[in-house]
Structure formats: structure tokens, C-alpha cells
Amino acid sequence: MPPRRRRYTFALGSLVSHVHLFGRHFFSAPMERILKTKLKGGRFEDVSETRSRIMSSIRGKRNRTTELALRLALVRSHVRGWRLHPSDVLGHPDFYFPTQRTAIFVDGCFWHGCPLCGHLPKTRTRFWEAKITRNRQRDSRTKKILTMSGFTVLRVWEHQLKTPQGMTRAISTICRAVRIGRRGWRPRPK
């Protein structure tokens, strides 16, 4: 079965271009191929078949707890006009304000290599270093392309949302980016 074709539209000044992306292969090389170059012999050493099967069955389910915390804070602050995980915006941001063209990504400290609290596990260090480096490179490319296309891109770290003060700062930053008041939503101009 051929990969699913997606069409993204980017406005670059007066030029509007269409970029076709075939799955993830256009934007970033398959992770397995990159990791094989980083690992000795292209494989992990001393991994039992059972452990390998268990680890390969784990699938990501987005960053539910941090994303849900920010979602609740946006609702409580009466911030409206956002969409969750739009498929028509490159990188599928966690929150997207279409009128203001603002994309917000909620990044997990471990998975995206937070400079303050991100860490590398003691086991399989080369694997995790390569994986987190690729995530950071993908984040950087996504931000660059979206910014060049006229979007405002915000990244909120997981640790910022764990304290009330951090959550308040994150909401204030988002409100400034979308140019609305802290406790109210500005209606769309007609």
C-alpha cells in the first residue's frame, strides 16, 4: 500500500507553494535507519527476545497529561478559538489558533531533550541520544518552516506546566501571542 499523501500549503510572502509530504519519509528519515547507524552492528546487544517484543509493542499516545493540563487551563482562562492536532498544519501542533496562525507544541522534557530537566537513561545511551537528537532536529525544522510560512510557533515544556506559576506564565505567553486578554476572548472581526 503506498504511503498516504498529504498536502500542506505554505504562504511565503506573496508566493503560495504546495508541498506534498508522503508519510514521514519526506520530512525526516525513518528512525530505524538512523539508529542502525548509531548502534554497534546496527542492533542492541544482550536484549532478550521477550524484552524486544515488549518494547516494540509500546506505542505513543500523545502527551496526554501535560496537554490535558494546558487544555484545562485554556478553557478556565476563557481562551477560545483553538483547534487540537490539526492535520492540515505541518507538525500537527497540540494547539492551533487558525485566525492568528499560531501553533503551540507541548513538549515532554524527556522526549524532546529539555535543557533544564531532560536526561539520558543509563542503559542504551547511544540509542536514546540518537532518538532525542532526531526529535530536537525535527522540532527545529518544523519551527523554521512554520515561521517562514508566517506562523507564530510556541513551545511549552512539560516542567513549565507542573506548577501554578509556570502554568500562569504559559497561559500569559499564549494570550500575548494570540493577542487576547488574559480573562476573555476577543471576537473575530467580521
Foldseek 3Di string as FASTA:
>chain_A
DFADKAWEWFAQPPDIDIDIDRPCCVLDNDLLVQCLVQDDNSDDPPDDPVNVVVVVPDDDDAPPPLLVLLVVLCVQLANDQWDAQDPRQPPRARIARVVLQEGEHEDECAQQPPPPDHDADPPPRSSSVSRNVRNVVSVVVSCVRSVSRPHHYHYHYSVLSPDPVSSLVVLVVVCVSSVHDRRYYDDDDD
